């Protein structure tokens, strides 16, 4: 007996939405196929096919004799290695996504001008993106880039795009970054975007990225879900 494809897609969509909303946290066990079938009114065969489809999309993984689990969603920053969000997501086997929340040119603030070695009120491109992996929100990214460095950026489509790749296509390469991470409580806006409870703990990473000749390319702030980001550093004495 063939399984209805729309019904299979409904199962997969229900799983994806449950993961995105936090109903099924990273690493958690899904309800059993039997329970899922009772909740949805679908057959066990359809539910099993839906679970397999979600597994094929990288959302969940089977565990022998123990059911299905949500794949671990932790973005791991490697020690002493500068990588883009896109590169880290791909290494984990996830599909990186970006939703543009703001993209405009404006004068730099005094703090931004100082950080980027610019004259006061010099023109910059300001970008805010909601970055995710397989559609699951991971970070709200705020970027400030000198207009003189990337005058073409205003016309670029940054939806699901890698900024590193875009710069590289214009013969501009990121060489190193000055990077700081600290814990904060999410604002109401950030909590909503990241599907978190009000004032939930998040990790805030700030950076200034440079070319090899020490030219500042961007000032960035990433607001990571606390359960979706891990930073590793090599410490020596």
C-alpha atoms as a PDB file:
ATOM      1  CA  UNK A   1       0.000   0.000   0.000  1.00  0.00           C
ATOM      2  CA  UNK A   2       1.508   3.336  -1.052  1.00  0.00           C
ATOM      3  CA  UNK A   3       1.916   6.120   1.524  1.00  0.00           C
ATOM      4  CA  UNK A   4       0.292   9.474   0.677  1.00  0.00           C
ATOM      5  CA  UNK A   5       3.057  11.965  -0.111  1.00  0.00           C
ATOM      6  CA  UNK A   6       1.150  15.016   1.256  1.00  0.00           C
ATOM      7  CA  UNK A   7       0.638  13.153   4.546  1.00  0.00           C
ATOM      8  CA  UNK A   8       4.373  12.367   4.725  1.00  0.00           C
ATOM      9  CA  UNK A   9       5.160  16.036   4.130  1.00  0.00           C
ATOM     10  CA  UNK A  10       2.745  16.984   6.945  1.00  0.00           C
ATOM     11  CA  UNK A  11       4.653  14.727   9.340  1.00  0.00           C
ATOM     12  CA  UNK A  12       7.973  16.241   8.288  1.00  0.00           C
ATOM     13  CA  UNK A  13       6.570  19.771   8.564  1.00  0.00           C
ATOM     14  CA  UNK A  14       5.224  19.028  12.060  1.00  0.00           C
ATOM     15  CA  UNK A  15       8.651  17.789  13.132  1.00  0.00           C
ATOM     16  CA  UNK A  16      10.418  20.809  11.625  1.00  0.00           C
ATOM     17  CA  UNK A  17       8.010  23.272  13.254  1.00  0.00           C
ATOM     18  CA  UNK A  18       8.369  21.493  16.595  1.00  0.00           C
ATOM     19  CA  UNK A  19      12.151  21.831  16.386  1.00  0.00           C
ATOM     20  CA  UNK A  20      12.035  25.500  15.344  1.00  0.00           C
ATOM     21  CA  UNK A  21       9.566  26.378  18.142  1.00  0.00           C
ATOM     22  CA  UNK A  22      11.667  24.556  20.723  1.00  0.00           C
ATOM     23  CA  UNK A  23       9.109  21.831  21.385  1.00  0.00           C
ATOM     24  CA  UNK A  24      11.759  19.280  20.384  1.00  0.00           C
ATOM     25  CA  UNK A  25      15.109  20.676  21.652  1.00  0.00           C
ATOM     26  CA  UNK A  26      18.451  19.784  20.125  1.00  0.00           C
ATOM     27  CA  UNK A  27      19.432  16.249  21.138  1.00  0.00           C
ATOM     28  CA  UNK A  28      15.994  15.367  22.537  1.00  0.00           C
ATOM     29  CA  UNK A  29      14.042  12.203  21.786  1.00  0.00           C
ATOM     30  CA  UNK A  30      10.959  12.530  19.605  1.00  0.00           C
ATOM     31  CA  UNK A  31       7.636  10.991  20.597  1.00  0.00           C
ATOM     32  CA  UNK A  32       7.351   7.385  19.467  1.00  0.00           C
ATOM     33  CA  UNK A  33       5.921   6.592  16.045  1.00  0.00           C
ATOM     34  CA  UNK A  34       2.864   5.149  17.800  1.00  0.00           C
ATOM     35  CA  UNK A  35       2.324   8.311  19.872  1.00  0.00           C
ATOM     36  CA  UNK A  36       2.885  10.509  16.836  1.00  0.00           C
ATOM     37  CA  UNK A  37       0.315   8.476  14.906  1.00  0.00           C
ATOM     38  CA  UNK A  38      -2.239   8.872  17.723  1.00  0.00           C
ATOM     39  CA  UNK A  39      -1.620  12.642  17.915  1.00  0.00           C
ATOM     40  CA  UNK A  40      -1.961  13.177  14.164  1.00  0.00           C
ATOM     41  CA  UNK A  41      -4.539  10.537  13.267  1.00  0.00           C
ATOM     42  CA  UNK A  42      -2.178   9.138  10.625  1.00  0.00           C
ATOM     43  CA  UNK A  43      -1.087   5.556  10.154  1.00  0.00           C
ATOM     44  CA  UNK A  44       2.152   4.205  11.618  1.00  0.00           C
ATOM     45  CA  UNK A  45       3.370   3.581   8.058  1.00  0.00           C
ATOM     46  CA  UNK A  46       2.838   7.242   7.149  1.00  0.00           C
ATOM     47  CA  UNK A  47       4.499   8.476  10.340  1.00  0.00           C
ATOM     48  CA  UNK A  48       7.487   6.174   9.773  1.00  0.00           C
ATOM     49  CA  UNK A  49       7.844   7.516   6.216  1.00  0.00           C
ATOM     50  CA  UNK A  50       7.605  11.079   7.544  1.00  0.00           C
ATOM     51  CA  UNK A  51      10.319  10.401  10.139  1.00  0.00           C
ATOM     52  CA  UNK A  52      12.532   8.975   7.415  1.00  0.00           C
ATOM     53  CA  UNK A  53      11.917  12.048   5.234  1.00  0.00           C
ATOM     54  CA  UNK A  54      12.877  14.314   8.170  1.00  0.00           C
ATOM     55  CA  UNK A  55      16.004  12.198   8.653  1.00  0.00           C
ATOM     56  CA  UNK A  56      16.862  12.539   4.959  1.00  0.00           C
ATOM     57  CA  UNK A  57      16.646  16.325   5.413  1.00  0.00           C
ATOM     58  CA  UNK A  58      19.093  16.165   8.336  1.00  0.00           C
ATOM     59  CA  UNK A  59      16.550  17.181  11.003  1.00  0.00           C
ATOM     60  CA  UNK A  60      16.525  13.963  13.044  1.00  0.00           C
ATOM     61  CA  UNK A  61      18.483  10.731  13.318  1.00  0.00           C
ATOM     62  CA  UNK A  62      17.522   7.188  14.361  1.00  0.00           C
ATOM     63  CA  UNK A  63      18.987   5.454  17.387  1.00  0.00           C
ATOM     64  CA  UNK A  64      18.855   1.630  17.370  1.00  0.00           C
ATOM     65  CA  UNK A  65      16.113   0.351  19.709  1.00  0.00           C
ATOM     66  CA  UNK A  66      15.673   3.856  21.128  1.00  0.00           C
ATOM     67  CA  UNK A  67      13.609   5.741  18.569  1.00  0.00           C
ATOM     68  CA  UNK A  68      14.361   9.040  16.840  1.00  0.00           C
ATOM     69  CA  UNK A  69      16.362  12.011  18.130  1.00  0.00           C
ATOM     70  CA  UNK A  70      16.686  15.647  17.072  1.00  0.00           C
ATOM     71  CA  UNK A  71      20.124  16.160  15.576  1.00  0.00           C
ATOM     72  CA  UNK A  72      22.560  18.059  17.758  1.00  0.00           C
ATOM     73  CA  UNK A  73      22.353  21.742  16.785  1.00  0.00           C
ATOM     74  CA  UNK A  74      25.473  23.326  18.237  1.00  0.00           C
ATOM     75  CA  UNK A  75      27.595  25.662  16.135  1.00  0.00           C
ATOM     76  CA  UNK A  76      31.162  24.976  17.246  1.00  0.00           C
ATOM     77  CA  UNK A  77      33.717  27.752  16.742  1.00  0.00           C
ATOM     78  CA  UNK A  78      37.043  25.953  16.155  1.00  0.00           C
ATOM     79  CA  UNK A  79      40.144  27.120  18.066  1.00  0.00           C
ATOM     80  CA  UNK A  80      42.503  29.518  16.296  1.00  0.00           C
ATOM     81  CA  UNK A  81      40.628  29.249  13.000  1.00  0.00           C
ATOM     82  CA  UNK A  82      38.574  31.969  11.328  1.00  0.00           C
ATOM     83  CA  UNK A  83      35.465  30.522   9.675  1.00  0.00           C
ATOM     84  CA  UNK A  84      32.224  31.943   8.359  1.00  0.00           C
ATOM     85  CA  UNK A  85      28.827  30.875   9.679  1.00  0.00           C
ATOM     86  CA  UNK A  86      28.221  29.157   6.339  1.00  0.00           C
ATOM     87  CA  UNK A  87      31.446  27.153   6.566  1.00  0.00           C
ATOM     88  CA  UNK A  88      30.735  26.012  10.134  1.00  0.00           C
ATOM     89  CA  UNK A  89      27.175  24.980   9.265  1.00  0.00           C
ATOM     90  CA  UNK A  90      28.345  22.990   6.237  1.00  0.00           C
ATOM     91  CA  UNK A  91      30.985  21.179   8.328  1.00  0.00           C
ATOM     92  CA  UNK A  92      28.197  20.020  10.650  1.00  0.00           C
ATOM     93  CA  UNK A  93      26.122  18.846   7.690  1.00  0.00           C
ATOM     94  CA  UNK A  94      23.457  21.563   8.016  1.00  0.00           C
ATOM     95  CA  UNK A  95      22.033  23.953   5.444  1.00  0.00           C
ATOM     96  CA  UNK A  96      22.834  27.563   6.433  1.00  0.00           C
ATOM     97  CA  UNK A  97      20.027  30.088   6.035  1.00  0.00           C
ATOM     98  CA  UNK A  98      19.763  33.868   6.314  1.00  0.00           C
ATOM     99  CA  UNK A  99      16.718  36.097   6.622  1.00  0.00           C
ATOM    100  CA  UNK A 100      17.397  39.794   5.968  1.00  0.00           C
ATOM    101  CA  UNK A 101      15.937  41.933   8.762  1.00  0.00           C
ATOM    102  CA  UNK A 102      17.615  45.218   7.783  1.00  0.00           C
ATOM    103  CA  UNK A 103      20.013  46.314   5.018  1.00  0.00           C
ATOM    104  CA  UNK A 104      20.761  50.016   4.545  1.00  0.00           C
ATOM    105  CA  UNK A 105      23.424  52.680   4.232  1.00  0.00           C
ATOM    106  CA  UNK A 106      23.826  55.225   7.032  1.00  0.00           C
ATOM    107  CA  UNK A 107      26.484  57.340   8.798  1.00  0.00           C
ATOM    108  CA  UNK A 108      28.726  55.470  11.224  1.00  0.00           C
ATOM    109  CA  UNK A 109      28.265  56.100  14.921  1.00  0.00           C
ATOM    110  CA  UNK A 110      31.290  57.446  16.795  1.00  0.00           C
ATOM    111  CA  UNK A 111      31.966  54.008  18.285  1.00  0.00           C
ATOM    112  CA  UNK A 112      31.709  52.305  14.884  1.00  0.00           C
ATOM    113  CA  UNK A 113      33.988  54.909  13.306  1.00  0.00           C
ATOM    114  CA  UNK A 114      36.567  54.320  16.051  1.00  0.00           C
ATOM    115  CA  UNK A 115      36.406  50.526  15.700  1.00  0.00           C
ATOM    116  CA  UNK A 116      36.674  50.641  11.903  1.00  0.00           C
ATOM    117  CA  UNK A 117      39.272  53.434  11.720  1.00  0.00           C
ATOM    118  CA  UNK A 118      36.880  55.758   9.918  1.00  0.00           C
ATOM    119  CA  UNK A 119      36.220  59.478  10.002  1.00  0.00           C
ATOM    120  CA  UNK A 120      33.201  60.398  12.181  1.00  0.00           C
ATOM    121  CA  UNK A 121      29.883  59.839  10.369  1.00  0.00           C
ATOM    122  CA  UNK A 122      31.633  58.134   7.421  1.00  0.00           C
ATOM    123  CA  UNK A 123      29.123  56.109   5.339  1.00  0.00           C
ATOM    124  CA  UNK A 124      28.684  52.447   6.238  1.00  0.00           C
ATOM    125  CA  UNK A 125      26.410  49.581   5.244  1.00  0.00           C
ATOM    126  CA  UNK A 126      24.455  48.195   8.201  1.00  0.00           C
ATOM    127  CA  UNK A 127      23.028  44.675   7.945  1.00  0.00           C
ATOM    128  CA  UNK A 128      20.927  42.627  10.357  1.00  0.00           C
ATOM    129  CA  UNK A 129      20.279  38.964   9.511  1.00  0.00           C
ATOM    130  CA  UNK A 130      18.618  36.053  11.269  1.00  0.00           C
ATOM    131  CA  UNK A 131      20.992  33.141  10.663  1.00  0.00           C
ATOM    132  CA  UNK A 132      19.870  29.557  10.979  1.00  0.00           C
ATOM    133  CA  UNK A 133      20.733  25.947  10.236  1.00  0.00           C
ATOM    134  CA  UNK A 134      18.110  23.892   8.402  1.00  0.00           C
ATOM    135  CA  UNK A 135      15.648  26.683   9.150  1.00  0.00           C
ATOM    136  CA  UNK A 136      16.293  26.626  12.894  1.00  0.00           C
ATOM    137  CA  UNK A 137      17.303  30.058  14.287  1.00  0.00           C
ATOM    138  CA  UNK A 138      20.822  30.186  15.727  1.00  0.00           C
ATOM    139  CA  UNK A 139      21.901  33.825  15.827  1.00  0.00           C
ATOM    140  CA  UNK A 140      20.864  37.381  15.065  1.00  0.00           C
ATOM    141  CA  UNK A 141      23.801  38.934  13.240  1.00  0.00           C
ATOM    142  CA  UNK A 142      24.505  42.695  13.137  1.00  0.00           C
ATOM    143  CA  UNK A 143      27.200  43.831  10.705  1.00  0.00           C
ATOM    144  CA  UNK A 144      28.649  47.263   9.965  1.00  0.00           C
ATOM    145  CA  UNK A 145      30.872  47.531   6.876  1.00  0.00           C
ATOM    146  CA  UNK A 146      32.606  50.678   5.563  1.00  0.00           C
ATOM    147  CA  UNK A 147      31.017  51.764   2.294  1.00  0.00           C
ATOM    148  CA  UNK A 148      34.487  52.493   0.900  1.00  0.00           C
ATOM    149  CA  UNK A 149      35.467  48.838   1.453  1.00  0.00           C
ATOM    150  CA  UNK A 150      32.425  47.347  -0.280  1.00  0.00           C
ATOM    151  CA  UNK A 151      30.513  49.952  -2.314  1.00  0.00           C
ATOM    152  CA  UNK A 152      28.784  47.102  -4.207  1.00  0.00           C
ATOM    153  CA  UNK A 153      27.234  45.659  -1.052  1.00  0.00           C
ATOM    154  CA  UNK A 154      24.077  47.770  -1.261  1.00  0.00           C
ATOM    155  CA  UNK A 155      23.018  45.944  -4.425  1.00  0.00           C
ATOM    156  CA  UNK A 156      23.912  42.463  -3.191  1.00  0.00           C
ATOM    157  CA  UNK A 157      21.276  39.887  -2.283  1.00  0.00           C
ATOM    158  CA  UNK A 158      22.369  38.560   1.097  1.00  0.00           C
ATOM    159  CA  UNK A 159      19.531  36.064   1.543  1.00  0.00           C
ATOM    160  CA  UNK A 160      21.182  32.718   2.375  1.00  0.00           C
ATOM    161  CA  UNK A 161      24.499  34.202   1.204  1.00  0.00           C
ATOM    162  CA  UNK A 162      27.984  33.842   2.680  1.00  0.00           C
ATOM    163  CA  UNK A 163      29.541  37.256   3.192  1.00  0.00           C
ATOM    164  CA  UNK A 164      33.020  35.703   3.126  1.00  0.00           C
ATOM    165  CA  UNK A 165      32.322  34.193  -0.295  1.00  0.00           C
ATOM    166  CA  UNK A 166      30.845  37.450  -1.538  1.00  0.00           C
ATOM    167  CA  UNK A 167      33.914  39.420  -0.450  1.00  0.00           C
ATOM    168  CA  UNK A 168      36.194  36.793  -1.972  1.00  0.00           C
ATOM    169  CA  UNK A 169      34.390  37.160  -5.306  1.00  0.00           C
ATOM    170  CA  UNK A 170      35.514  40.818  -5.197  1.00  0.00           C
ATOM    171  CA  UNK A 171      39.114  39.808  -4.377  1.00  0.00           C
ATOM    172  CA  UNK A 172      38.833  40.783  -0.705  1.00  0.00           C
ATOM    173  CA  UNK A 173      39.924  38.145   1.811  1.00  0.00           C
ATOM    174  CA  UNK A 174      39.367  37.961   5.566  1.00  0.00           C
ATOM    175  CA  UNK A 175      42.671  37.241   7.344  1.00  0.00           C
ATOM    176  CA  UNK A 176      42.019  37.496  11.091  1.00  0.00           C
ATOM    177  CA  UNK A 177      39.500  38.711  13.642  1.00  0.00           C
ATOM    178  CA  UNK A 178      39.572  40.269  17.117  1.00  0.00           C
ATOM    179  CA  UNK A 179      36.869  38.310  18.917  1.00  0.00           C
ATOM    180  CA  UNK A 180      35.078  38.573  22.282  1.00  0.00           C
ATOM    181  CA  UNK A 181      32.293  36.411  23.743  1.00  0.00           C
ATOM    182  CA  UNK A 182      30.155  37.172  26.776  1.00  0.00           C
ATOM    183  CA  UNK A 183      26.850  36.065  28.270  1.00  0.00           C
ATOM    184  CA  UNK A 184      23.834  38.377  28.304  1.00  0.00           C
ATOM    185  CA  UNK A 185      20.072  38.206  28.659  1.00  0.00           C
ATOM    186  CA  UNK A 186      18.098  38.438  25.442  1.00  0.00           C
ATOM    187  CA  UNK A 187      16.023  41.520  24.791  1.00  0.00           C
ATOM    188  CA  UNK A 188      12.358  40.978  23.954  1.00  0.00           C
ATOM    189  CA  UNK A 189      13.105  41.399  20.239  1.00  0.00           C
ATOM    190  CA  UNK A 190      16.027  38.956  20.259  1.00  0.00           C
ATOM    191  CA  UNK A 191      14.098  36.386  22.293  1.00  0.00           C
ATOM    192  CA  UNK A 192      11.248  36.505  19.780  1.00  0.00           C
ATOM    193  CA  UNK A 193      13.559  36.140  16.772  1.00  0.00           C
ATOM    194  CA  UNK A 194      15.472  33.250  18.354  1.00  0.00           C
ATOM    195  CA  UNK A 195      12.353  31.482  19.692  1.00  0.00           C
ATOM    196  CA  UNK A 196      13.506  31.850  23.291  1.00  0.00           C
ATOM    197  CA  UNK A 197      11.692  32.671  26.551  1.00  0.00           C
ATOM    198  CA  UNK A 198      11.843  36.345  27.616  1.00  0.00           C
ATOM    199  CA  UNK A 199      15.243  37.377  29.049  1.00  0.00           C
ATOM    200  CA  UNK A 200      16.758  33.965  28.216  1.00  0.00           C
ATOM    201  CA  UNK A 201      20.541  33.657  28.396  1.00  0.00           C
ATOM    202  CA  UNK A 202      22.338  34.165  25.098  1.00  0.00           C
ATOM    203  CA  UNK A 203      25.983  34.380  24.056  1.00  0.00           C
ATOM    204  CA  UNK A 204      27.038  37.618  22.403  1.00  0.00           C
ATOM    205  CA  UNK A 205      30.120  37.508  20.184  1.00  0.00           C
ATOM    206  CA  UNK A 206      31.627  40.789  18.971  1.00  0.00           C
ATOM    207  CA  UNK A 207      34.394  41.031  16.419  1.00  0.00           C
ATOM    208  CA  UNK A 208      36.379  43.270  14.156  1.00  0.00           C
ATOM    209  CA  UNK A 209      37.597  41.420  11.064  1.00  0.00           C
ATOM    210  CA  UNK A 210      40.683  42.521   9.118  1.00  0.00           C
ATOM    211  CA  UNK A 211      42.572  41.931   5.897  1.00  0.00           C
ATOM    212  CA  UNK A 212      46.172  40.743   6.029  1.00  0.00           C
ATOM    213  CA  UNK A 213      47.365  44.370   5.850  1.00  0.00           C
ATOM    214  CA  UNK A 214      45.256  45.228   8.976  1.00  0.00           C
ATOM    215  CA  UNK A 215      42.486  47.058   7.091  1.00  0.00           C
ATOM    216  CA  UNK A 216      39.219  46.667   9.072  1.00  0.00           C
ATOM    217  CA  UNK A 217      36.591  44.993   6.903  1.00  0.00           C
ATOM    218  CA  UNK A 218      33.669  44.842   9.295  1.00  0.00           C
ATOM    219  CA  UNK A 219      32.457  45.236  12.836  1.00  0.00           C
ATOM    220  CA  UNK A 220      30.088  42.434  13.788  1.00  0.00           C
ATOM    221  CA  UNK A 221      27.926  41.299  16.688  1.00  0.00           C
ATOM    222  CA  UNK A 222      26.290  37.878  16.814  1.00  0.00           C
ATOM    223  CA  UNK A 223      23.570  37.091  19.349  1.00  0.00           C
ATOM    224  CA  UNK A 224      23.646  33.293  19.662  1.00  0.00           C
ATOM    225  CA  UNK A 225      21.148  31.017  21.341  1.00  0.00           C
ATOM    226  CA  UNK A 226      22.973  29.758  24.419  1.00  0.00           C
ATOM    227  CA  UNK A 227      22.160  26.139  23.546  1.00  0.00           C
ATOM    228  CA  UNK A 228      23.333  26.440  19.938  1.00  0.00           C
ATOM    229  CA  UNK A 229      26.847  27.874  20.153  1.00  0.00           C
ATOM    230  CA  UNK A 230      30.136  26.657  21.568  1.00  0.00           C
ATOM    231  CA  UNK A 231      33.413  28.586  21.486  1.00  0.00           C
ATOM    232  CA  UNK A 232      36.732  26.768  21.882  1.00  0.00           C
ATOM    233  CA  UNK A 233      40.085  28.431  22.500  1.00  0.00           C
ATOM    234  CA  UNK A 234      43.630  27.104  22.779  1.00  0.00           C
ATOM    235  CA  UNK A 235      45.159  28.372  26.020  1.00  0.00           C
ATOM    236  CA  UNK A 236      48.903  28.075  26.636  1.00  0.00           C
ATOM    237  CA  UNK A 237      51.198  29.054  29.449  1.00  0.00           C
END
